[in-house]
């Protein structure tokens, strides 16, 4: 007599994507201690699972007491795999469920043969669901709808008789649509909610050989019974063909990629697909014809846009003789693309004979709106600490290495972005002009961008921080950090240390300026 768990047992399922029927059967078998090798899984009106490993008779209740636990990831995986059309899925899922009782991390072993097969099935079901969403084409139905092989005077006559949807359920006054699709797997129930959410304002039916779904504005009805294709046509078919023929680009034709995304099995249900063979055949000739066409001038406004976007060369930019003239000229600066998004140019301000020039990085959000440098949070911190060491900002000239605000929009906020080397060099023309007009004795570079601009090449801030350097033009350079750096330090202890160091830098600058 066979021992418990080894006696063969046959389990017959409807096998049309219903996870509940498999789950109930698997739970009963597992509680009974039925081995995966003793179960013969079958589908109604289908074939035996030739790849399933056999299964046992139930044990008596007193012999079947055992705890059943399963990872949540398996449940999610099984709900998808059960929709696959492979008859071997039932045995594969049960064998995996059995193994999980002892191998809790089985699903993490991506090289395991059962896990590989399950993941491949899951991917196939998900891909099939995606294709259904992409390639379902609704056709409007009504008394005058032209059909082939099926009458269209009643929407229920369009669907094969096995699809039992109540006649007259469609809401009066709403437009009605029908679609035919041929999926590989039993995915209608999985995808029906997507179509209900997307097309909730119309009555529709989607019929397939593996089940159908209908929505009447109130109730979503899903059946697993197969339907027949009524081969409907409507005026929208012509529109699809016209649209596709006009967007088809022969110069970018990649047949393999196109067939991978839209396999030929879907072509017969897409009206525009009948054009594809002819479009492919004539693609090469059309590309040659396009190449022979004479070049045409772009619309007139293109030239104006291109001219405005081109940076002005140094030779073509008038060098103003006064600081006010330079400021006025800078309002129309287009030397780099930053002007396209910024509100305005933010030029420097201060006495035109200042002995000290402070150079920052670029305007911030508030500076961009106000048109003045150092009026935002960093400017306020600079003014506060400068006041603590009796350094009067009004006696100094304050400017930035870059005159336009560079930012990245995030919702309603504009997030600062660091200027790149090209933008720094493009704007250095203005900084050099300010230096030539003001002739400061002491230049203070605040931050790495300012140091790069003043030196005209990249330098490490740490190599120059808190140092006095004599420049070739007779000026003195002193380097410190940008006040915005202090605002960004998250650790309060370190922030206090850096603020104290910045204060000492400003004290040194105050001492140097008093000696000028």
Protein backbone atom coordinates (compact mmCIF):
# COMPACT_ATOMS: atom_id res chain seq x y z
CA UNK A 1 0.00 0.00 0.00
CA UNK A 2 1.49 3.40 -0.96
CA UNK A 3 2.72 5.53 1.92
CA UNK A 4 0.92 8.88 2.63
CA UNK A 5 1.97 11.60 0.24
CA UNK A 6 2.98 9.20 -2.55
CA UNK A 7 -0.39 7.98 -3.80
CA UNK A 8 -1.10 9.68 -7.14
CA UNK A 9 -3.83 12.26 -7.25
CA UNK A 10 -5.45 14.08 -10.16
CA UNK A 11 -6.43 17.74 -9.85
CA UNK A 12 -8.54 19.24 -12.63
CA UNK A 13 -8.76 23.03 -12.95
CA UNK A 14 -10.61 25.35 -15.29
CA UNK A 15 -7.20 26.87 -16.04
CA UNK A 16 -8.27 30.28 -17.33
CA UNK A 17 -6.33 32.61 -15.10
CA UNK A 18 -8.30 32.10 -11.87
CA UNK A 19 -5.70 32.19 -9.11
CA UNK A 20 -8.24 31.23 -6.43
CA UNK A 21 -8.98 27.76 -7.85
CA UNK A 22 -5.29 26.84 -7.96
CA UNK A 23 -4.62 28.34 -4.51
CA UNK A 24 -7.44 26.32 -2.88
CA UNK A 25 -6.29 23.09 -4.51
CA UNK A 26 -2.64 23.72 -3.63
CA UNK A 27 -3.49 24.52 -0.01
CA UNK A 28 -5.47 21.26 0.32
CA UNK A 29 -2.63 19.25 -1.17
CA UNK A 30 0.01 20.92 0.98
CA UNK A 31 -1.95 20.47 4.20
CA UNK A 32 -2.38 16.80 3.29
CA UNK A 33 1.36 16.47 2.80
CA UNK A 34 0.95 15.56 -0.87
CA UNK A 35 4.29 15.50 -2.64
CA UNK A 36 4.65 17.47 -5.90
CA UNK A 37 5.74 14.24 -7.61
CA UNK A 38 2.35 12.67 -6.86
CA UNK A 39 0.02 15.26 -8.42
CA UNK A 40 -1.33 14.98 -11.95
CA UNK A 41 -2.57 18.47 -12.89
CA UNK A 42 -5.15 18.71 -15.67
CA UNK A 43 -7.16 21.43 -17.38
CA UNK A 44 -10.84 21.07 -18.26
CA UNK A 45 -11.19 20.46 -21.99
CA UNK A 46 -7.41 20.60 -22.13
CA UNK A 47 -4.44 18.29 -22.03
CA UNK A 48 -2.56 16.67 -19.20
CA UNK A 49 0.45 18.49 -17.83
CA UNK A 50 3.12 16.28 -19.36
CA UNK A 51 5.87 18.04 -17.43
CA UNK A 52 4.26 17.94 -13.99
CA UNK A 53 5.94 15.71 -11.43
CA UNK A 54 3.37 13.32 -9.83
CA UNK A 55 1.00 13.83 -6.52
CA UNK A 56 -0.60 12.13 -3.36
CA UNK A 57 -3.92 11.34 -1.78
CA UNK A 58 -5.08 13.46 1.10
CA UNK A 59 -4.00 12.47 4.55
CA UNK A 60 -6.40 12.10 7.39
CA UNK A 61 -6.99 15.36 9.28
CA UNK A 62 -5.01 14.18 12.31
CA UNK A 63 -2.03 13.48 10.03
CA UNK A 64 -2.28 16.74 8.15
CA UNK A 65 -1.70 19.27 10.89
CA UNK A 66 1.09 21.56 9.72
CA UNK A 67 1.70 25.28 9.46
CA UNK A 68 1.68 26.73 5.94
CA UNK A 69 3.57 29.96 5.37
CA UNK A 70 4.55 31.55 2.10
CA UNK A 71 6.50 34.72 1.21
CA UNK A 72 4.43 37.59 -0.13
CA UNK A 73 6.68 37.72 -3.19
CA UNK A 74 5.55 34.21 -4.15
CA UNK A 75 1.88 35.18 -3.98
CA UNK A 76 2.48 38.14 -6.28
CA UNK A 77 4.48 35.97 -8.66
CA UNK A 78 1.90 33.16 -8.64
CA UNK A 79 -1.01 35.52 -9.35
CA UNK A 80 0.76 36.52 -12.57
CA UNK A 81 2.10 33.10 -13.60
CA UNK A 82 -1.32 31.47 -13.19
CA UNK A 83 -2.46 33.56 -16.19
CA UNK A 84 0.14 31.89 -18.43
CA UNK A 85 -1.16 29.47 -21.04
CA UNK A 86 1.52 26.80 -20.37
CA UNK A 87 -0.25 23.76 -18.81
CA UNK A 88 2.90 23.09 -16.78
CA UNK A 89 2.36 26.20 -14.66
CA UNK A 90 0.19 24.45 -12.05
CA UNK A 91 2.77 21.76 -11.25
CA UNK A 92 5.62 24.27 -11.34
CA UNK A 93 3.87 26.59 -8.88
CA UNK A 94 2.98 23.75 -6.51
CA UNK A 95 6.51 22.37 -6.59
CA UNK A 96 7.87 25.84 -5.78
CA UNK A 97 5.31 26.26 -2.98
CA UNK A 98 6.39 22.92 -1.52
CA UNK A 99 10.06 23.83 -1.67
CA UNK A 100 9.44 27.20 -0.03
CA UNK A 101 8.37 25.49 3.16
CA UNK A 102 11.97 24.41 3.67
CA UNK A 103 13.86 26.88 1.43
CA UNK A 104 12.60 30.28 2.54
CA UNK A 105 14.96 32.20 0.26
CA UNK A 106 14.31 30.08 -2.81
CA UNK A 107 12.99 32.98 -4.90
CA UNK A 108 16.25 34.87 -4.33
CA UNK A 109 18.22 32.12 -6.07
CA UNK A 110 17.93 33.46 -9.60
CA UNK A 111 19.88 30.53 -11.06
CA UNK A 112 17.44 27.91 -9.75
CA UNK A 113 15.70 26.14 -12.66
CA UNK A 114 12.19 26.52 -11.21
CA UNK A 115 12.74 30.20 -10.36
CA UNK A 116 14.12 30.87 -13.85
CA UNK A 117 11.07 29.27 -15.44
CA UNK A 118 8.63 31.15 -13.16
CA UNK A 119 10.29 34.49 -13.87
CA UNK A 120 10.18 33.82 -17.61
CA UNK A 121 6.45 33.04 -17.39
CA UNK A 122 5.80 36.18 -15.34
CA UNK A 123 7.67 38.30 -17.89
CA UNK A 124 5.69 36.77 -20.74
CA UNK A 125 2.35 37.50 -19.03
CA UNK A 126 3.33 41.09 -18.27
CA UNK A 127 4.52 41.62 -21.83
CA UNK A 128 1.26 40.20 -23.16
CA UNK A 129 -0.69 42.58 -20.88
CA UNK A 130 1.35 45.51 -22.18
CA UNK A 131 0.70 44.50 -25.78
CA UNK A 132 -3.03 44.30 -25.13
CA UNK A 133 -3.04 47.84 -23.77
CA UNK A 134 -1.04 49.03 -26.78
CA UNK A 135 -2.77 47.21 -29.63
CA UNK A 136 -6.46 47.06 -28.71
CA UNK A 137 -8.37 49.11 -31.29
CA UNK A 138 -11.98 50.05 -30.54
CA UNK A 139 -14.51 50.29 -33.34
CA UNK A 140 -17.73 52.19 -32.84
CA UNK A 141 -20.81 50.01 -33.16
CA UNK A 142 -24.41 50.86 -33.92
CA UNK A 143 -27.25 50.09 -36.27
CA UNK A 144 -25.26 51.18 -39.31
CA UNK A 145 -21.92 49.61 -38.38
CA UNK A 146 -20.52 47.68 -41.38
CA UNK A 147 -19.44 44.16 -40.46
CA UNK A 148 -18.08 41.06 -42.09
CA UNK A 149 -19.39 37.71 -40.92
CA UNK A 150 -21.57 39.02 -38.08
CA UNK A 151 -24.60 41.32 -37.87
CA UNK A 152 -24.09 44.61 -36.07
CA UNK A 153 -27.66 45.76 -35.37
CA UNK A 154 -27.38 44.46 -31.82
CA UNK A 155 -24.16 44.67 -29.85
CA UNK A 156 -24.73 41.20 -28.39
CA UNK A 157 -24.78 39.71 -31.88
CA UNK A 158 -21.29 40.98 -32.48
CA UNK A 159 -19.93 38.68 -29.78
CA UNK A 160 -19.95 34.90 -30.08
CA UNK A 161 -22.82 33.20 -28.25
CA UNK A 162 -20.68 31.73 -25.42
CA UNK A 163 -20.04 35.27 -24.12
CA UNK A 164 -23.01 35.71 -21.79
CA UNK A 165 -23.42 39.44 -21.38
CA UNK A 166 -26.93 40.65 -20.69
CA UNK A 167 -28.58 42.22 -23.76
CA UNK A 168 -29.63 45.80 -23.28
CA UNK A 169 -27.15 46.45 -20.49
CA UNK A 170 -25.47 49.25 -22.45
CA UNK A 171 -26.54 52.70 -21.25
CA UNK A 172 -28.80 54.58 -23.63
CA UNK A 173 -27.18 57.73 -25.09
CA UNK A 174 -23.59 56.63 -24.55
CA UNK A 175 -21.34 55.75 -27.47
CA UNK A 176 -20.64 52.04 -27.83
CA UNK A 177 -17.45 50.38 -28.98
CA UNK A 178 -16.15 46.91 -29.70
CA UNK A 179 -12.59 45.57 -29.87
CA UNK A 180 -11.11 42.23 -30.83
CA UNK A 181 -7.74 41.05 -29.48
CA UNK A 182 -5.85 37.75 -29.51
CA UNK A 183 -3.67 37.42 -26.39
CA UNK A 184 -1.19 34.61 -25.76
CA UNK A 185 -2.32 34.16 -22.15
CA UNK A 186 -5.40 34.49 -19.93
CA UNK A 187 -4.96 38.19 -19.17
CA UNK A 188 -8.42 39.68 -19.85
CA UNK A 189 -9.35 39.90 -16.16
CA UNK A 190 -5.92 41.42 -15.31
CA UNK A 191 -6.20 44.17 -17.92
CA UNK A 192 -9.95 44.90 -17.78
CA UNK A 193 -9.60 47.40 -14.91
CA UNK A 194 -7.08 49.39 -16.94
CA UNK A 195 -9.60 49.82 -19.76
CA UNK A 196 -12.38 50.65 -17.30
CA UNK A 197 -10.30 53.50 -15.83
CA UNK A 198 -9.09 54.72 -19.22
CA UNK A 199 -12.40 54.52 -21.11
CA UNK A 200 -14.95 54.99 -18.36
CA UNK A 201 -17.00 57.50 -20.39
CA UNK A 202 -18.06 55.02 -23.06
CA UNK A 203 -19.65 51.58 -23.28
CA UNK A 204 -17.29 48.97 -24.66
CA UNK A 205 -16.68 45.27 -25.14
CA UNK A 206 -13.30 43.61 -25.62
CA UNK A 207 -13.63 40.08 -26.98
CA UNK A 208 -10.80 37.51 -27.20
CA UNK A 209 -10.42 33.75 -27.71
CA UNK A 210 -9.48 33.57 -24.01
CA UNK A 211 -12.36 35.54 -22.50
CA UNK A 212 -14.09 38.89 -22.82
CA UNK A 213 -14.82 42.02 -20.80
CA UNK A 214 -17.60 44.61 -21.04
CA UNK A 215 -18.22 47.98 -19.38
CA UNK A 216 -21.60 49.76 -19.41
CA UNK A 217 -20.74 52.78 -17.27
CA UNK A 218 -21.79 51.00 -14.07
CA UNK A 219 -20.67 47.37 -14.12
CA UNK A 220 -17.52 45.70 -15.38
CA UNK A 221 -18.35 42.18 -16.56
CA UNK A 222 -15.60 39.66 -17.26
CA UNK A 223 -16.06 36.16 -18.68
CA UNK A 224 -13.51 33.43 -19.38
CA UNK A 225 -15.50 31.92 -22.24
CA UNK A 226 -13.93 32.23 -25.71
CA UNK A 227 -15.40 34.53 -28.35
CA UNK A 228 -15.22 34.65 -32.15
CA UNK A 229 -13.92 37.55 -34.21
CA UNK A 230 -16.85 39.34 -35.94
CA UNK A 231 -14.36 41.20 -38.19
CA UNK A 232 -15.85 44.66 -37.72
CA UNK A 233 -14.75 47.70 -39.70
CA UNK A 234 -15.48 51.40 -39.25
CA UNK A 235 -14.45 54.82 -40.57
CA UNK A 236 -11.61 55.07 -38.03
CA UNK A 237 -9.73 52.34 -39.92
CA UNK A 238 -9.11 54.78 -42.75
CA UNK A 239 -7.90 57.40 -40.29
CA UNK A 240 -5.41 54.93 -38.77
CA UNK A 241 -4.04 54.08 -42.20
CA UNK A 242 -3.72 57.77 -43.14
CA UNK A 243 -2.01 58.61 -39.84
CA UNK A 244 0.47 55.74 -40.04
CA UNK A 245 1.42 56.36 -43.66
CA UNK A 246 2.21 59.99 -42.82
CA UNK A 247 4.32 59.35 -39.71
CA UNK A 248 6.29 56.48 -41.28
CA UNK A 249 9.92 57.58 -41.65
CA UNK A 250 11.81 55.37 -44.14
CA UNK A 251 15.16 56.85 -43.13
CA UNK A 252 14.78 55.48 -39.60
CA UNK A 253 13.36 52.09 -40.54
CA UNK A 254 14.52 49.19 -38.33
CA UNK A 255 12.48 46.16 -39.31
CA UNK A 256 13.71 43.85 -36.53
CA UNK A 257 13.08 46.43 -33.82
CA UNK A 258 9.62 47.16 -35.24
CA UNK A 259 8.68 43.49 -35.36
CA UNK A 260 10.00 43.02 -31.82
CA UNK A 261 7.73 45.77 -30.49
CA UNK A 262 4.80 44.90 -32.74
CA UNK A 263 5.02 41.19 -33.71
CA UNK A 264 3.28 40.09 -36.89
CA UNK A 265 0.62 38.18 -34.94
CA UNK A 266 -0.97 41.55 -34.07
CA UNK A 267 -0.85 42.95 -37.60
CA UNK A 268 -4.02 41.28 -38.82
CA UNK A 269 -6.10 43.17 -36.23
CA UNK A 270 -4.54 46.59 -36.89
CA UNK A 271 -5.92 48.40 -39.94
CA UNK A 272 -2.68 50.28 -40.60
CA UNK A 273 -0.61 47.07 -40.52
CA UNK A 274 -1.71 46.18 -44.03
CA UNK A 275 0.43 49.12 -45.22
CA UNK A 276 3.61 47.91 -43.53
CA UNK A 277 4.89 45.44 -46.19
CA UNK A 278 4.51 48.05 -48.92
CA UNK A 279 6.11 50.80 -46.82
CA UNK A 280 9.07 48.55 -46.03
CA UNK A 281 9.48 47.52 -49.66
CA UNK A 282 9.51 51.14 -50.84
CA UNK A 283 11.59 52.55 -47.99
CA UNK A 284 14.97 52.48 -49.74
CA UNK A 285 13.67 54.17 -52.86
CA UNK A 286 11.89 56.82 -50.81
CA UNK A 287 15.09 57.59 -48.89
CA UNK A 288 16.95 58.14 -52.16
CA UNK A 289 14.18 60.43 -53.38
CA UNK A 290 14.37 62.43 -50.15
CA UNK A 291 18.13 62.83 -50.57
CA UNK A 292 17.68 64.21 -54.09
CA UNK A 293 15.21 66.88 -53.04
CA UNK A 294 16.62 70.41 -53.17
CA UNK A 295 17.48 72.04 -49.85
CA UNK A 296 14.97 74.62 -48.74
CA UNK A 297 15.62 77.69 -46.65
CA UNK A 298 14.11 77.54 -43.16
CA UNK A 299 11.29 79.94 -42.26
CA UNK A 300 12.42 83.54 -41.77
CA UNK A 301 11.97 83.50 -38.01
CA UNK A 302 14.54 80.66 -37.70
CA UNK A 303 17.31 83.03 -38.80
CA UNK A 304 16.29 85.55 -36.13
CA UNK A 305 16.29 82.89 -33.42
CA UNK A 306 19.68 81.61 -34.55
CA UNK A 307 21.14 85.12 -34.61
CA UNK A 308 19.87 85.87 -31.11
CA UNK A 309 21.33 82.61 -29.78
CA UNK A 310 24.81 83.16 -31.26
CA UNK A 311 27.31 84.51 -28.70
CA UNK A 312 28.74 87.91 -29.48
CA UNK A 313 32.45 87.94 -30.19
CA UNK A 314 34.76 90.27 -28.30
CA UNK A 315 35.51 92.16 -31.49
CA UNK A 316 31.81 92.81 -32.11
CA UNK A 317 31.03 93.95 -28.54
CA UNK A 318 31.57 97.63 -27.90
CA UNK A 319 33.76 98.26 -24.85
CA UNK A 320 31.92 100.97 -22.88
CA UNK A 321 34.00 103.71 -21.35
CA UNK A 322 32.06 104.00 -18.08
CA UNK A 323 30.63 101.57 -15.53
CA UNK A 324 27.06 102.75 -16.18
CA UNK A 325 27.49 102.21 -19.92
CA UNK A 326 28.88 98.75 -19.27
CA UNK A 327 25.91 97.91 -17.04
CA UNK A 328 23.46 99.05 -19.73
CA UNK A 329 25.27 97.06 -22.40
CA UNK A 330 25.26 93.92 -20.24
CA UNK A 331 21.45 93.90 -20.12
CA UNK A 332 21.44 92.54 -23.67
CA UNK A 333 24.22 90.01 -23.10
CA UNK A 334 23.88 86.76 -25.09
CA UNK A 335 27.44 85.51 -24.72
CA UNK A 336 26.26 82.14 -23.34
CA UNK A 337 22.89 80.32 -23.33
CA UNK A 338 22.13 81.19 -19.69
CA UNK A 339 20.39 84.40 -20.75
CA UNK A 340 17.59 82.34 -22.31
CA UNK A 341 16.15 81.21 -18.95
CA UNK A 342 17.30 83.95 -16.56
CA UNK A 343 15.02 86.87 -15.75
CA UNK A 344 17.71 89.48 -16.34
CA UNK A 345 21.42 90.23 -16.23
CA UNK A 346 22.64 90.89 -12.67
CA UNK A 347 25.58 93.27 -13.00
CA UNK A 348 27.89 94.35 -10.18
CA UNK A 349 27.23 97.40 -8.00
CA UNK A 350 29.29 99.73 -5.86
CA UNK A 351 31.61 102.76 -6.23
CA UNK A 352 33.36 103.00 -9.59
CA UNK A 353 36.63 103.75 -7.74
CA UNK A 354 36.34 101.08 -5.03
CA UNK A 355 39.63 99.78 -3.66
CA UNK A 356 38.13 96.34 -2.87
CA UNK A 357 36.13 94.13 -5.27
CA UNK A 358 34.23 91.08 -3.97
CA UNK A 359 33.57 88.43 -6.66
CA UNK A 360 30.93 85.77 -6.03
CA UNK A 361 29.75 82.84 -8.17
CA UNK A 362 26.45 83.83 -9.83
CA UNK A 363 23.10 85.42 -8.95
CA UNK A 364 20.64 83.35 -6.95
CA UNK A 365 16.87 83.21 -7.24
CA UNK A 366 16.24 86.49 -5.39
CA UNK A 367 19.10 88.29 -7.14
CA UNK A 368 17.70 87.19 -10.51
CA UNK A 369 14.34 88.73 -9.66
CA UNK A 370 15.72 91.89 -8.04
CA UNK A 371 18.51 92.54 -10.58
CA UNK A 372 21.04 93.19 -7.79
CA UNK A 373 23.89 91.02 -6.45
CA UNK A 374 23.98 89.56 -2.93
CA UNK A 375 20.46 90.43 -1.78
CA UNK A 376 19.34 86.85 -1.01
CA UNK A 377 20.12 84.64 2.02
CA UNK A 378 23.84 84.40 1.16
CA UNK A 379 24.04 88.17 0.74
CA UNK A 380 22.34 88.73 4.10
CA UNK A 381 24.82 86.40 5.83
CA UNK A 382 27.69 88.22 4.12
CA UNK A 383 26.37 91.62 5.29
CA UNK A 384 25.85 90.36 8.85
CA UNK A 385 29.34 88.94 9.31
CA UNK A 386 30.96 91.87 7.50
CA UNK A 387 29.16 94.20 9.90
CA UNK A 388 30.57 92.27 12.86
CA UNK A 389 34.13 93.09 11.73
CA UNK A 390 33.31 96.72 10.72
CA UNK A 391 33.74 95.97 7.01
CA UNK A 392 31.45 98.37 5.18
CA UNK A 393 30.06 96.71 2.06
CA UNK A 394 28.99 100.07 0.63
CA UNK A 395 32.63 101.06 0.15
CA UNK A 396 33.37 97.90 -1.89
CA UNK A 397 32.31 96.81 -5.37
CA UNK A 398 30.33 93.54 -5.32
CA UNK A 399 29.82 91.40 -8.43
CA UNK A 400 29.65 87.80 -9.68
CA UNK A 401 31.79 85.72 -12.01
CA UNK A 402 28.62 84.79 -13.98
CA UNK A 403 25.92 87.40 -14.51
CA UNK A 404 22.89 85.19 -15.22
CA UNK A 405 21.11 82.78 -12.87
CA UNK A 406 21.64 79.11 -13.79
CA UNK A 407 18.99 76.84 -12.32
CA UNK A 408 16.92 73.67 -12.69
CA UNK A 409 13.12 74.02 -12.29
CA UNK A 410 11.54 71.67 -9.73
CA UNK A 411 7.86 72.34 -9.37
CA UNK A 412 7.50 75.97 -8.33
CA UNK A 413 11.12 76.22 -7.15
CA UNK A 414 14.25 77.10 -9.10
CA UNK A 415 17.21 75.06 -7.84
CA UNK A 416 20.70 76.56 -8.22
CA UNK A 417 23.10 74.83 -10.62
CA UNK A 418 26.84 75.44 -10.72
CA UNK A 419 28.10 77.21 -13.88
CA UNK A 420 30.35 75.16 -16.13
CA UNK A 421 33.73 76.23 -17.47
CA UNK A 422 32.31 77.42 -20.80
CA UNK A 423 29.82 79.69 -19.06
CA UNK A 424 32.49 81.05 -16.71
CA UNK A 425 34.81 81.88 -19.58
CA UNK A 426 32.04 83.44 -21.67
CA UNK A 427 31.15 85.77 -18.80
CA UNK A 428 34.77 86.54 -17.83
CA UNK A 429 34.72 89.25 -20.49
CA UNK A 430 32.38 91.26 -18.24
CA UNK A 431 34.45 90.64 -15.10
CA UNK A 432 37.61 91.74 -16.89
CA UNK A 433 35.77 94.89 -18.03
CA UNK A 434 34.72 95.63 -14.44
CA UNK A 435 38.31 95.16 -13.24
CA UNK A 436 39.63 97.48 -15.95
CA UNK A 437 37.06 100.21 -15.21
CA UNK A 438 37.24 100.10 -11.40
CA UNK A 439 40.94 99.27 -10.94
CA UNK A 440 40.58 97.74 -7.44
CA UNK A 441 43.72 97.12 -5.41
CA UNK A 442 42.32 94.05 -3.62
CA UNK A 443 40.18 91.37 -5.30
CA UNK A 444 38.34 88.92 -3.01
CA UNK A 445 37.32 85.65 -4.67
CA UNK A 446 34.46 84.02 -2.77
CA UNK A 447 34.24 80.37 -3.81
CA UNK A 448 35.82 78.14 -6.45
CA UNK A 449 33.91 79.62 -9.39
CA UNK A 450 35.05 83.14 -8.53
CA UNK A 451 38.64 81.95 -8.10
CA UNK A 452 38.55 80.22 -11.51
CA UNK A 453 37.21 83.35 -13.16
CA UNK A 454 39.76 85.70 -11.60
CA UNK A 455 42.70 83.36 -12.35
CA UNK A 456 41.30 82.44 -15.80
CA UNK A 457 41.95 78.75 -15.12
CA UNK A 458 40.69 76.16 -12.64
CA UNK A 459 42.33 76.13 -9.22
CA UNK A 460 41.59 74.24 -6.01
CA UNK A 461 39.92 76.47 -3.46
CA UNK A 462 41.81 74.78 -0.63
CA UNK A 463 45.16 75.82 -2.12
CA UNK A 464 44.22 79.53 -1.98
CA UNK A 465 41.84 79.73 1.00
CA UNK A 466 42.79 82.49 3.49
CA UNK A 467 45.88 83.38 1.45
CA UNK A 468 47.08 86.69 0.01
CA UNK A 469 48.45 86.29 -3.53
CA UNK A 470 50.02 89.00 -5.69
CA UNK A 471 48.71 88.92 -9.26
CA UNK A 472 50.65 89.80 -12.43
CA UNK A 473 48.55 92.93 -13.01
CA UNK A 474 49.70 94.42 -9.69
CA UNK A 475 46.53 93.57 -7.76
CA UNK A 476 46.27 91.45 -4.64
CA UNK A 477 44.02 88.39 -4.52
CA UNK A 478 42.49 87.03 -1.32
CA UNK A 479 40.32 83.91 -1.40
CA UNK A 480 37.59 82.71 0.96
CA UNK A 481 34.42 80.63 0.70
CA UNK A 482 31.09 81.77 -0.70
CA UNK A 483 28.52 82.62 2.01
CA UNK A 484 26.05 80.16 0.43
CA UNK A 485 28.45 77.36 1.38
CA UNK A 486 27.94 78.24 5.03
CA UNK A 487 24.17 78.00 4.64
CA UNK A 488 24.39 74.48 3.20
CA UNK A 489 26.42 72.86 6.01
CA UNK A 490 24.01 70.45 7.78
CA UNK A 491 26.05 69.85 10.96
CA UNK A 492 25.54 72.77 13.34
CA UNK A 493 28.91 72.33 15.07
CA UNK A 494 30.82 72.35 11.81
CA UNK A 495 28.72 75.27 10.55
CA UNK A 496 29.76 77.38 13.56
CA UNK A 497 33.42 76.50 12.92
CA UNK A 498 33.19 77.53 9.27
CA UNK A 499 31.35 80.75 10.11
CA UNK A 500 34.09 81.64 12.62
CA UNK A 501 36.72 80.96 9.96
CA UNK A 502 34.82 83.10 7.42
CA UNK A 503 34.66 85.87 10.01
CA UNK A 504 38.44 85.68 10.44
CA UNK A 505 38.84 85.94 6.65
CA UNK A 506 36.74 89.12 6.61
CA UNK A 507 38.83 90.53 9.46
CA UNK A 508 41.96 89.96 7.37
CA UNK A 509 40.28 91.60 4.36
CA UNK A 510 39.34 94.56 6.56
CA UNK A 511 42.98 94.90 7.67
CA UNK A 512 44.25 94.67 4.10
CA UNK A 513 41.76 97.25 2.85
CA UNK A 514 42.70 99.72 5.59
CA UNK A 515 46.31 99.62 4.36
CA UNK A 516 45.41 100.44 0.75
